[in-house]
Amino acid sequence: MLSTAGTSDTVDKLQKLLDGFKSAGYAITSIVQGQTDRNHVYANIGKVSLTDGKTASSSGIFIQQATTERAGAMRAQQVTDLNAARKNVTELQKQMEEANNLIDTICVKLGLSGGNGVIVNSQITCVVINGYLHVIGASNLIANGYVPYIFRLVRKRNPYDDKDASPEEKEEKKYGPATKGWGVLGSIYTAKMNGSRLEISKNGRNHMCIKATNGYSPEPYYFVSHGTDASGRPTVGYGRSSVSMLDRKDPKEKRRRMIRLRYAIGFAKPIYPGRSKITPANLASSLAEFSLIYDTSLEQWCFGK
């Protein structure tokens, strides 16, 4: 029929069109979402043959599952988990806001006003400036009436004070168990702040619990008590220990050795001698550590970390 319907040129063009349809095979008529599994979303694809007009359908992967590396489809459980996580984050934000408000309220009651909470306002650290010890971060504490307390890392045994013990036990046990940790040096009168600079009483170790009648000094020399042993050799006191300043490797025992003693400072409300025991648990600040070092080259005491 094509040969009688037109010229040969027209027939050739129509034949090329039909050959093109045959080579294309099928045309897509519809795409709808099909089944899903743990990893993929499938699509049902409707198609028609461009050769004879017959229709057919097939199923294939449409969208892969979403991962941390690529975007993709999310399962219903993943959407549920995401919504639950979003709800939990919102609830956590509310709880954090309530906690911050509570911290600020406690700050006001403790005199640590500032709106940033106890932890922010009470973090202190020690630095050495021009040979003197300065406490950084304590200005807010000082302004609200908190005072410094000096601590030493010592081992000690307190007197046995069990009130319910029998007379025999009290006679047998003169001291309680030995403990090791940060023990307070002196009392409220031991140290004071001059701006950010720390100063210590010049009274001497035996009079640290009374007012500093001899004044205060920023010099590290006054942090230790100086003395001699039975042989006349120089020593320094550190807690219950007497530390020799001479180098034992020196045959003539004339050369002094480098000594490093550990100290710390913290701030608390004024606690007067005999009123209450002063421990790191009483502090409203962190415990900032520093060292007292005997420098053999300078032959003097100095501060360090």
C-alpha atoms as a PDB file:
ATOM      1  CA  MET A   1       0.000   0.000   0.000  1.00  0.00           C
ATOM      2  CA  LEU A   2       2.869   2.356   0.787  1.00  0.00           C
ATOM      3  CA  SER A   3       4.179   1.849  -2.734  1.00  0.00           C
ATOM      4  CA  THR A   4       0.872   3.039  -4.273  1.00  0.00           C
ATOM      5  CA  ALA A   5       0.175   5.787  -1.683  1.00  0.00           C
ATOM      6  CA  GLY A   6       3.015   8.085  -2.589  1.00  0.00           C
ATOM      7  CA  THR A   7       6.316   8.564  -4.204  1.00  0.00           C
ATOM      8  CA  SER A   8       9.366   6.467  -3.509  1.00  0.00           C
ATOM      9  CA  ASP A   9      10.844   9.313  -1.493  1.00  0.00           C
ATOM     10  CA  THR A  10       7.822   9.329   0.813  1.00  0.00           C
ATOM     11  CA  VAL A  11       7.991   5.549   1.198  1.00  0.00           C
ATOM     12  CA  ASP A  12      11.640   5.727   2.201  1.00  0.00           C
ATOM     13  CA  LYS A  13      10.914   8.302   4.877  1.00  0.00           C
ATOM     14  CA  LEU A  14       8.032   6.278   6.308  1.00  0.00           C
ATOM     15  CA  GLN A  15      10.130   3.144   6.300  1.00  0.00           C
ATOM     16  CA  LYS A  16      12.915   4.875   8.235  1.00  0.00           C
ATOM     17  CA  LEU A  17      10.334   6.022  10.786  1.00  0.00           C
ATOM     18  CA  LEU A  18       9.064   2.468  11.252  1.00  0.00           C
ATOM     19  CA  ASP A  19      12.620   1.156  11.579  1.00  0.00           C
ATOM     20  CA  GLY A  20      13.209   3.766  14.279  1.00  0.00           C
ATOM     21  CA  PHE A  21      10.181   2.556  16.231  1.00  0.00           C
ATOM     22  CA  LYS A  22      11.425  -1.012  15.991  1.00  0.00           C
ATOM     23  CA  SER A  23      14.878  -0.094  17.270  1.00  0.00           C
ATOM     24  CA  ALA A  24      13.375   1.945  20.185  1.00  0.00           C
ATOM     25  CA  GLY A  25      11.383  -1.085  21.301  1.00  0.00           C
ATOM     26  CA  TYR A  26       9.043   0.303  23.999  1.00  0.00           C
ATOM     27  CA  ALA A  27       7.689   3.640  25.189  1.00  0.00           C
ATOM     28  CA  ILE A  28       6.954   4.261  28.897  1.00  0.00           C
ATOM     29  CA  THR A  29       3.300   4.967  29.590  1.00  0.00           C
ATOM     30  CA  SER A  30       3.281   5.109  33.442  1.00  0.00           C
ATOM     31  CA  ILE A  31       5.539   5.013  36.503  1.00  0.00           C
ATOM     32  CA  VAL A  32       4.081   4.349  39.968  1.00  0.00           C
ATOM     33  CA  GLN A  33       5.704   3.438  43.309  1.00  0.00           C
ATOM     34  CA  GLY A  34       5.741  -0.272  43.913  1.00  0.00           C
ATOM     35  CA  GLN A  35       6.934  -2.452  46.752  1.00  0.00           C
ATOM     36  CA  THR A  36       9.718  -1.544  49.221  1.00  0.00           C
ATOM     37  CA  ASP A  37      12.215  -3.575  51.228  1.00  0.00           C
ATOM     38  CA  ARG A  38      14.868  -2.735  53.836  1.00  0.00           C
ATOM     39  CA  ASN A  39      17.172  -1.131  51.296  1.00  0.00           C
ATOM     40  CA  HIS A  40      15.227   0.054  48.216  1.00  0.00           C
ATOM     41  CA  VAL A  41      12.037   1.575  46.843  1.00  0.00           C
ATOM     42  CA  TYR A  42      10.792  -0.109  43.639  1.00  0.00           C
ATOM     43  CA  ALA A  43       8.774   1.353  40.753  1.00  0.00           C
ATOM     44  CA  ASN A  44       6.125  -0.348  38.574  1.00  0.00           C
ATOM     45  CA  ILE A  45       6.706   0.756  35.001  1.00  0.00           C
ATOM     46  CA  GLY A  46       4.015   0.464  32.286  1.00  0.00           C
ATOM     47  CA  LYS A  47       5.169   0.389  28.642  1.00  0.00           C
ATOM     48  CA  VAL A  48       3.896  -0.195  25.117  1.00  0.00           C
ATOM     49  CA  SER A  49       5.659  -1.790  22.137  1.00  0.00           C
ATOM     50  CA  LEU A  50       6.318   0.696  19.381  1.00  0.00           C
ATOM     51  CA  THR A  51       6.291  -2.138  16.865  1.00  0.00           C
ATOM     52  CA  ASP A  52       2.993  -3.934  17.434  1.00  0.00           C
ATOM     53  CA  GLY A  53       1.293  -1.801  20.147  1.00  0.00           C
ATOM     54  CA  LYS A  54       1.276  -4.526  22.810  1.00  0.00           C
ATOM     55  CA  THR A  55       1.417  -3.319  26.454  1.00  0.00           C
ATOM     56  CA  ALA A  56       3.615  -4.722  29.251  1.00  0.00           C
ATOM     57  CA  SER A  57       4.816  -3.856  32.775  1.00  0.00           C
ATOM     58  CA  SER A  58       7.991  -4.371  34.825  1.00  0.00           C
ATOM     59  CA  SER A  59       9.340  -3.616  38.281  1.00  0.00           C
ATOM     60  CA  GLY A  60      12.774  -2.161  39.085  1.00  0.00           C
ATOM     61  CA  ILE A  61      14.742  -0.223  41.692  1.00  0.00           C
ATOM     62  CA  PHE A  62      13.556   3.361  41.829  1.00  0.00           C
ATOM     63  CA  ILE A  63      15.300   4.898  44.890  1.00  0.00           C
ATOM     64  CA  GLN A  64      17.995   3.382  47.080  1.00  0.00           C
ATOM     65  CA  GLN A  65      17.914   3.661  50.862  1.00  0.00           C
ATOM     66  CA  ALA A  66      19.384   6.828  52.432  1.00  0.00           C
ATOM     67  CA  THR A  67      22.770   6.395  54.092  1.00  0.00           C
ATOM     68  CA  THR A  68      25.360   8.675  55.656  1.00  0.00           C
ATOM     69  CA  GLU A  69      27.114   8.812  52.279  1.00  0.00           C
ATOM     70  CA  ARG A  70      24.127   9.472  49.991  1.00  0.00           C
ATOM     71  CA  ALA A  71      20.602  10.813  49.928  1.00  0.00           C
ATOM     72  CA  GLY A  72      17.774   8.365  49.373  1.00  0.00           C
ATOM     73  CA  ALA A  73      14.549   6.894  50.677  1.00  0.00           C
ATOM     74  CA  MET A  74      13.791   6.617  54.408  1.00  0.00           C
ATOM     75  CA  ARG A  75      11.808   3.755  55.909  1.00  0.00           C
ATOM     76  CA  ALA A  76       8.856   4.440  58.174  1.00  0.00           C
ATOM     77  CA  GLN A  77      10.892   3.362  61.235  1.00  0.00           C
ATOM     78  CA  GLN A  78      13.635   5.802  60.315  1.00  0.00           C
ATOM     79  CA  VAL A  79      11.106   8.643  60.122  1.00  0.00           C
ATOM     80  CA  THR A  80       9.688   7.582  63.496  1.00  0.00           C
ATOM     81  CA  ASP A  81      13.165   7.518  65.060  1.00  0.00           C
ATOM     82  CA  LEU A  82      14.012  10.930  63.575  1.00  0.00           C
ATOM     83  CA  ASN A  83      10.833  12.481  64.958  1.00  0.00           C
ATOM     84  CA  ALA A  84      11.499  10.924  68.368  1.00  0.00           C
ATOM     85  CA  ALA A  85      15.070  12.268  68.360  1.00  0.00           C
ATOM     86  CA  ARG A  86      13.822  15.751  67.437  1.00  0.00           C
ATOM     87  CA  LYS A  87      11.306  15.617  70.284  1.00  0.00           C
ATOM     88  CA  ASN A  88      13.992  14.472  72.754  1.00  0.00           C
ATOM     89  CA  VAL A  89      16.335  17.295  71.695  1.00  0.00           C
ATOM     90  CA  THR A  90      13.560  19.830  72.256  1.00  0.00           C
ATOM     91  CA  GLU A  91      12.879  18.374  75.702  1.00  0.00           C
ATOM     92  CA  LEU A  92      16.597  18.364  76.538  1.00  0.00           C
ATOM     93  CA  GLN A  93      16.865  22.040  75.588  1.00  0.00           C
ATOM     94  CA  LYS A  94      14.034  22.839  77.994  1.00  0.00           C
ATOM     95  CA  GLN A  95      15.749  20.881  80.791  1.00  0.00           C
ATOM     96  CA  MET A  96      19.070  22.632  80.119  1.00  0.00           C
ATOM     97  CA  GLU A  97      17.350  26.005  80.343  1.00  0.00           C
ATOM     98  CA  GLU A  98      15.750  25.015  83.669  1.00  0.00           C
ATOM     99  CA  ALA A  99      19.138  23.783  84.959  1.00  0.00           C
ATOM    100  CA  ASN A 100      20.857  27.037  83.973  1.00  0.00           C
ATOM    101  CA  ASN A 101      18.138  29.032  85.723  1.00  0.00           C
ATOM    102  CA  LEU A 102      18.616  26.903  88.834  1.00  0.00           C
ATOM    103  CA  ILE A 103      22.397  27.414  88.702  1.00  0.00           C
ATOM    104  CA  ASP A 104      21.934  31.164  88.393  1.00  0.00           C
ATOM    105  CA  THR A 105      19.611  31.107  91.419  1.00  0.00           C
ATOM    106  CA  ILE A 106      22.231  29.211  93.425  1.00  0.00           C
ATOM    107  CA  CYS A 107      24.862  31.720  92.266  1.00  0.00           C
ATOM    108  CA  VAL A 108      22.809  34.571  93.678  1.00  0.00           C
ATOM    109  CA  LYS A 109      22.351  32.775  97.005  1.00  0.00           C
ATOM    110  CA  LEU A 110      26.071  32.044  97.225  1.00  0.00           C
ATOM    111  CA  GLY A 111      27.012  35.556  96.207  1.00  0.00           C
ATOM    112  CA  LEU A 112      28.353  34.393  92.856  1.00  0.00           C
ATOM    113  CA  SER A 113      26.088  36.545  90.743  1.00  0.00           C
ATOM    114  CA  GLY A 114      26.890  37.016  87.118  1.00  0.00           C
ATOM    115  CA  GLY A 115      24.435  34.792  85.319  1.00  0.00           C
ATOM    116  CA  ASN A 116      27.000  32.299  84.038  1.00  0.00           C
ATOM    117  CA  GLY A 117      26.616  29.686  86.762  1.00  0.00           C
ATOM    118  CA  VAL A 118      28.810  28.432  89.585  1.00  0.00           C
ATOM    119  CA  ILE A 119      31.220  26.489  87.405  1.00  0.00           C
ATOM    120  CA  VAL A 120      32.085  29.468  85.208  1.00  0.00           C
ATOM    121  CA  ASN A 121      32.399  31.916  88.078  1.00  0.00           C
ATOM    122  CA  SER A 122      34.528  29.709  90.361  1.00  0.00           C
ATOM    123  CA  GLN A 123      37.238  28.415  88.038  1.00  0.00           C
ATOM    124  CA  ILE A 124      40.587  29.847  89.124  1.00  0.00           C
ATOM    125  CA  THR A 125      44.193  29.325  88.074  1.00  0.00           C
ATOM    126  CA  CYS A 126      47.603  30.450  89.303  1.00  0.00           C
ATOM    127  CA  VAL A 127      50.199  32.310  87.242  1.00  0.00           C
ATOM    128  CA  VAL A 128      53.588  33.778  88.134  1.00  0.00           C
ATOM    129  CA  ILE A 129      54.058  37.436  87.150  1.00  0.00           C
ATOM    130  CA  ASN A 130      57.346  39.205  87.920  1.00  0.00           C
ATOM    131  CA  GLY A 131      58.209  36.576  90.508  1.00  0.00           C
ATOM    132  CA  TYR A 132      54.932  36.835  92.440  1.00  0.00           C
ATOM    133  CA  LEU A 133      51.938  34.501  92.473  1.00  0.00           C
ATOM    134  CA  HIS A 134      48.704  35.837  90.991  1.00  0.00           C
ATOM    135  CA  VAL A 135      45.300  34.139  91.056  1.00  0.00           C
ATOM    136  CA  ILE A 136      43.321  34.560  87.856  1.00  0.00           C
ATOM    137  CA  GLY A 137      39.525  34.288  87.909  1.00  0.00           C
ATOM    138  CA  ALA A 138      39.006  35.134  91.593  1.00  0.00           C
ATOM    139  CA  SER A 139      37.816  38.754  91.319  1.00  0.00           C
ATOM    140  CA  ASN A 140      34.124  37.831  91.469  1.00  0.00           C
ATOM    141  CA  LEU A 141      34.721  35.584  94.485  1.00  0.00           C
ATOM    142  CA  ILE A 142      36.693  38.272  96.330  1.00  0.00           C
ATOM    143  CA  ALA A 143      34.042  40.884  95.579  1.00  0.00           C
ATOM    144  CA  ASN A 144      31.409  38.653  97.170  1.00  0.00           C
ATOM    145  CA  GLY A 145      33.285  38.093 100.422  1.00  0.00           C
ATOM    146  CA  TYR A 146      35.152  34.867  99.739  1.00  0.00           C
ATOM    147  CA  VAL A 147      38.669  34.541 101.168  1.00  0.00           C
ATOM    148  CA  PRO A 148      41.710  32.460 100.144  1.00  0.00           C
ATOM    149  CA  TYR A 149      42.887  29.305 101.904  1.00  0.00           C
ATOM    150  CA  ILE A 150      46.255  27.665 101.273  1.00  0.00           C
ATOM    151  CA  PHE A 151      46.562  23.865 101.093  1.00  0.00           C
ATOM    152  CA  ARG A 152      49.520  21.487 101.149  1.00  0.00           C
ATOM    153  CA  LEU A 153      49.634  17.932  99.791  1.00  0.00           C
ATOM    154  CA  VAL A 154      50.516  16.114 103.017  1.00  0.00           C
ATOM    155  CA  ARG A 155      50.086  12.884 104.943  1.00  0.00           C
ATOM    156  CA  LYS A 156      48.728  13.300 108.456  1.00  0.00           C
ATOM    157  CA  ARG A 157      47.075  11.541 111.400  1.00  0.00           C
ATOM    158  CA  ASN A 158      44.502  13.421 113.422  1.00  0.00           C
ATOM    159  CA  PRO A 159      44.016  12.721 117.154  1.00  0.00           C
ATOM    160  CA  TYR A 160      41.613   9.862 117.878  1.00  0.00           C
ATOM    161  CA  ASP A 161      38.315  11.568 118.754  1.00  0.00           C
ATOM    162  CA  ASP A 162      35.637   8.853 118.778  1.00  0.00           C
ATOM    163  CA  LYS A 163      33.284  10.107 121.501  1.00  0.00           C
ATOM    164  CA  ASP A 164      31.613   6.691 121.841  1.00  0.00           C
ATOM    165  CA  ALA A 165      34.897   4.814 122.346  1.00  0.00           C
ATOM    166  CA  SER A 166      35.651   3.198 125.683  1.00  0.00           C
ATOM    167  CA  PRO A 167      38.399   4.600 127.954  1.00  0.00           C
ATOM    168  CA  GLU A 168      40.562   1.621 127.009  1.00  0.00           C
ATOM    169  CA  GLU A 169      40.185   2.353 123.281  1.00  0.00           C
ATOM    170  CA  LYS A 170      40.945   6.027 123.799  1.00  0.00           C
ATOM    171  CA  GLU A 171      44.047   5.130 125.752  1.00  0.00           C
ATOM    172  CA  GLU A 172      45.190   2.619 123.131  1.00  0.00           C
ATOM    173  CA  LYS A 173      44.386   4.726 120.062  1.00  0.00           C
ATOM    174  CA  LYS A 174      46.081   8.088 120.358  1.00  0.00           C
ATOM    175  CA  TYR A 175      45.623   8.870 116.652  1.00  0.00           C
ATOM    176  CA  GLY A 176      43.190   7.999 113.888  1.00  0.00           C
ATOM    177  CA  PRO A 177      44.130   6.397 110.554  1.00  0.00           C
ATOM    178  CA  ALA A 178      46.701   8.158 108.394  1.00  0.00           C
ATOM    179  CA  THR A 179      45.286  10.139 105.514  1.00  0.00           C
ATOM    180  CA  LYS A 180      46.939  11.694 102.475  1.00  0.00           C
ATOM    181  CA  GLY A 181      45.593  14.674 100.588  1.00  0.00           C
ATOM    182  CA  TRP A 182      45.217  18.423 100.591  1.00  0.00           C
ATOM    183  CA  GLY A 183      45.520  19.739 104.152  1.00  0.00           C
ATOM    184  CA  VAL A 184      44.892  23.390 104.989  1.00  0.00           C
ATOM    185  CA  LEU A 185      47.869  25.552 105.937  1.00  0.00           C
ATOM    186  CA  GLY A 186      46.978  27.691 108.937  1.00  0.00           C
ATOM    187  CA  SER A 187      43.594  29.395 108.895  1.00  0.00           C
ATOM    188  CA  ILE A 188      41.672  32.348 107.501  1.00  0.00           C
ATOM    189  CA  TYR A 189      44.530  34.580 108.695  1.00  0.00           C
ATOM    190  CA  THR A 190      47.229  32.726 106.730  1.00  0.00           C
ATOM    191  CA  ALA A 191      46.840  34.481 103.375  1.00  0.00           C
ATOM    192  CA  LYS A 192      45.108  37.427 101.768  1.00  0.00           C
ATOM    193  CA  MET A 193      44.649  38.854  98.295  1.00  0.00           C
ATOM    194  CA  ASN A 194      46.150  42.163  97.216  1.00  0.00           C
ATOM    195  CA  GLY A 195      44.283  42.624  93.975  1.00  0.00           C
ATOM    196  CA  SER A 196      45.095  39.423  92.125  1.00  0.00           C
ATOM    197  CA  ARG A 197      48.407  38.938  93.976  1.00  0.00           C
ATOM    198  CA  LEU A 198      48.587  36.395  96.786  1.00  0.00           C
ATOM    199  CA  GLU A 199      50.277  37.411 100.053  1.00  0.00           C
ATOM    200  CA  ILE A 200      51.034  35.230 103.074  1.00  0.00           C
ATOM    201  CA  SER A 201      51.378  35.934 106.794  1.00  0.00           C
ATOM    202  CA  LYS A 202      54.859  36.648 108.113  1.00  0.00           C
ATOM    203  CA  ASN A 203      53.940  35.307 111.562  1.00  0.00           C
ATOM    204  CA  GLY A 204      55.628  31.936 111.092  1.00  0.00           C
ATOM    205  CA  ARG A 205      54.170  28.435 111.058  1.00  0.00           C
ATOM    206  CA  ASN A 206      53.344  28.292 114.785  1.00  0.00           C
ATOM    207  CA  HIS A 207      51.200  31.419 114.632  1.00  0.00           C
ATOM    208  CA  MET A 208      49.334  30.976 111.354  1.00  0.00           C
ATOM    209  CA  CYS A 209      45.972  30.770 113.141  1.00  0.00           C
ATOM    210  CA  ILE A 210      46.200  34.225 114.691  1.00  0.00           C
ATOM    211  CA  LYS A 211      45.981  37.564 112.989  1.00  0.00           C
ATOM    212  CA  ALA A 212      49.058  38.507 110.994  1.00  0.00           C
ATOM    213  CA  THR A 213      50.580  40.908 113.511  1.00  0.00           C
ATOM    214  CA  ASN A 214      53.791  40.957 111.492  1.00  0.00           C
ATOM    215  CA  GLY A 215      51.953  41.784 108.275  1.00  0.00           C
ATOM    216  CA  TYR A 216      51.755  39.977 104.948  1.00  0.00           C
ATOM    217  CA  SER A 217      54.287  39.478 102.180  1.00  0.00           C
ATOM    218  CA  PRO A 218      54.119  38.251  98.574  1.00  0.00           C
ATOM    219  CA  GLU A 219      57.607  36.713  98.884  1.00  0.00           C
ATOM    220  CA  PRO A 220      57.711  32.904  98.497  1.00  0.00           C
ATOM    221  CA  TYR A 221      60.255  32.702 101.341  1.00  0.00           C
ATOM    222  CA  TYR A 222      57.468  32.963 103.946  1.00  0.00           C
ATOM    223  CA  PHE A 223      55.533  29.939 102.650  1.00  0.00           C
ATOM    224  CA  VAL A 224      57.877  27.522 104.468  1.00  0.00           C
ATOM    225  CA  SER A 225      59.349  27.427 107.949  1.00  0.00           C
ATOM    226  CA  HIS A 226      63.142  27.480 108.061  1.00  0.00           C
ATOM    227  CA  GLY A 227      65.180  25.612 110.673  1.00  0.00           C
ATOM    228  CA  THR A 228      68.023  23.199 111.341  1.00  0.00           C
ATOM    229  CA  ASP A 229      68.220  19.534 112.336  1.00  0.00           C
ATOM    230  CA  ALA A 230      70.156  18.046 115.259  1.00  0.00           C
ATOM    231  CA  SER A 231      73.388  18.308 113.243  1.00  0.00           C
ATOM    232  CA  GLY A 232      72.844  21.939 112.401  1.00  0.00           C
ATOM    233  CA  ARG A 233      71.993  21.300 108.740  1.00  0.00           C
ATOM    234  CA  PRO A 234      69.341  23.600 107.172  1.00  0.00           C
ATOM    235  CA  THR A 235      65.830  22.240 106.778  1.00  0.00           C
ATOM    236  CA  VAL A 236      62.383  23.444 105.775  1.00  0.00           C
ATOM    237  CA  GLY A 237      59.072  22.284 107.213  1.00  0.00           C
ATOM    238  CA  TYR A 238      56.349  20.819 105.015  1.00  0.00           C
ATOM    239  CA  GLY A 239      53.403  19.453 106.967  1.00  0.00           C
ATOM    240  CA  ARG A 240      54.736  16.933 109.503  1.00  0.00           C
ATOM    241  CA  SER A 241      57.922  16.474 107.456  1.00  0.00           C
ATOM    242  CA  SER A 242      61.272  18.170 107.862  1.00  0.00           C
ATOM    243  CA  VAL A 243      62.940  18.418 104.453  1.00  0.00           C
ATOM    244  CA  SER A 244      66.722  18.699 104.282  1.00  0.00           C
ATOM    245  CA  MET A 245      67.984  21.371 101.913  1.00  0.00           C
ATOM    246  CA  LEU A 246      71.403  19.755 101.403  1.00  0.00           C
ATOM    247  CA  ASP A 247      72.347  17.525  98.500  1.00  0.00           C
ATOM    248  CA  ARG A 248      73.056  14.058  99.869  1.00  0.00           C
ATOM    249  CA  LYS A 249      75.266  13.311  96.859  1.00  0.00           C
ATOM    250  CA  ASP A 250      77.643  16.070  97.949  1.00  0.00           C
ATOM    251  CA  PRO A 251      80.341  14.376 100.100  1.00  0.00           C
ATOM    252  CA  LYS A 252      80.839  17.512 102.172  1.00  0.00           C
ATOM    253  CA  GLU A 253      77.095  18.201 102.355  1.00  0.00           C
ATOM    254  CA  LYS A 254      77.552  21.879 101.644  1.00  0.00           C
ATOM    255  CA  ARG A 255      75.756  22.137  98.328  1.00  0.00           C
ATOM    256  CA  ARG A 256      72.010  22.746  98.435  1.00  0.00           C
ATOM    257  CA  ARG A 257      69.595  20.839  96.216  1.00  0.00           C
ATOM    258  CA  MET A 258      66.555  21.871  94.239  1.00  0.00           C
ATOM    259  CA  ILE A 259      63.334  21.320  96.174  1.00  0.00           C
ATOM    260  CA  ARG A 260      59.788  21.407  94.822  1.00  0.00           C
ATOM    261  CA  LEU A 261      56.861  21.575  97.252  1.00  0.00           C
ATOM    262  CA  ARG A 262      53.243  21.301  96.118  1.00  0.00           C
ATOM    263  CA  TYR A 263      50.639  23.828  97.231  1.00  0.00           C
ATOM    264  CA  ALA A 264      47.155  24.855  96.147  1.00  0.00           C
ATOM    265  CA  ILE A 265      44.737  27.713  96.769  1.00  0.00           C
ATOM    266  CA  GLY A 266      40.953  27.815  96.969  1.00  0.00           C
ATOM    267  CA  PHE A 267      38.260  30.271  98.049  1.00  0.00           C
ATOM    268  CA  ALA A 268      35.507  29.809 100.623  1.00  0.00           C
ATOM    269  CA  LYS A 269      33.387  31.829 103.017  1.00  0.00           C
ATOM    270  CA  PRO A 270      35.294  33.067 106.112  1.00  0.00           C
ATOM    271  CA  ILE A 271      35.762  30.187 108.588  1.00  0.00           C
ATOM    272  CA  TYR A 272      37.399  31.376 111.794  1.00  0.00           C
ATOM    273  CA  PRO A 273      39.792  29.160 113.804  1.00  0.00           C
ATOM    274  CA  GLY A 274      38.005  26.528 115.869  1.00  0.00           C
ATOM    275  CA  ARG A 275      34.616  27.035 114.196  1.00  0.00           C
ATOM    276  CA  SER A 276      34.765  24.362 111.515  1.00  0.00           C
ATOM    277  CA  LYS A 277      37.224  22.098 109.732  1.00  0.00           C
ATOM    278  CA  ILE A 278      38.527  23.575 106.478  1.00  0.00           C
ATOM    279  CA  THR A 279      38.755  21.071 103.617  1.00  0.00           C
ATOM    280  CA  PRO A 280      38.519  21.281  99.806  1.00  0.00           C
ATOM    281  CA  ALA A 281      34.855  20.302 100.254  1.00  0.00           C
ATOM    282  CA  ASN A 282      34.202  23.722 101.856  1.00  0.00           C
ATOM    283  CA  LEU A 283      35.432  25.582  98.798  1.00  0.00           C
ATOM    284  CA  ALA A 284      33.212  27.573  96.476  1.00  0.00           C
ATOM    285  CA  SER A 285      35.979  27.574  93.835  1.00  0.00           C
ATOM    286  CA  SER A 286      38.170  25.064  92.120  1.00  0.00           C
ATOM    287  CA  LEU A 287      41.487  24.142  93.741  1.00  0.00           C
ATOM    288  CA  ALA A 288      44.291  25.849  91.797  1.00  0.00           C
ATOM    289  CA  GLU A 289      47.684  24.171  92.250  1.00  0.00           C
ATOM    290  CA  PHE A 290      51.097  25.844  92.287  1.00  0.00           C
ATOM    291  CA  SER A 291      54.599  24.938  93.439  1.00  0.00           C
ATOM    292  CA  LEU A 292      57.237  26.434  95.680  1.00  0.00           C
ATOM    293  CA  ILE A 293      60.689  25.754  94.233  1.00  0.00           C
ATOM    294  CA  TYR A 294      64.131  26.297  95.701  1.00  0.00           C
ATOM    295  CA  ASP A 295      66.311  27.447  92.800  1.00  0.00           C
ATOM    296  CA  THR A 296      69.933  26.444  93.466  1.00  0.00           C
ATOM    297  CA  SER A 297      71.280  28.817  90.805  1.00  0.00           C
ATOM    298  CA  LEU A 298      69.608  31.823  92.437  1.00  0.00           C
ATOM    299  CA  GLU A 299      69.824  30.381  95.963  1.00  0.00           C
ATOM    300  CA  GLN A 300      66.304  31.479  96.731  1.00  0.00           C
ATOM    301  CA  TRP A 301      62.706  30.299  96.740  1.00  0.00           C
ATOM    302  CA  CYS A 302      60.447  31.042  93.780  1.00  0.00           C
ATOM    303  CA  PHE A 303      56.968  30.168  92.528  1.00  0.00           C
ATOM    304  CA  GLY A 304      56.253  27.747  89.726  1.00  0.00           C
ATOM    305  CA  LYS A 305      53.617  25.404  88.317  1.00  0.00           C
END
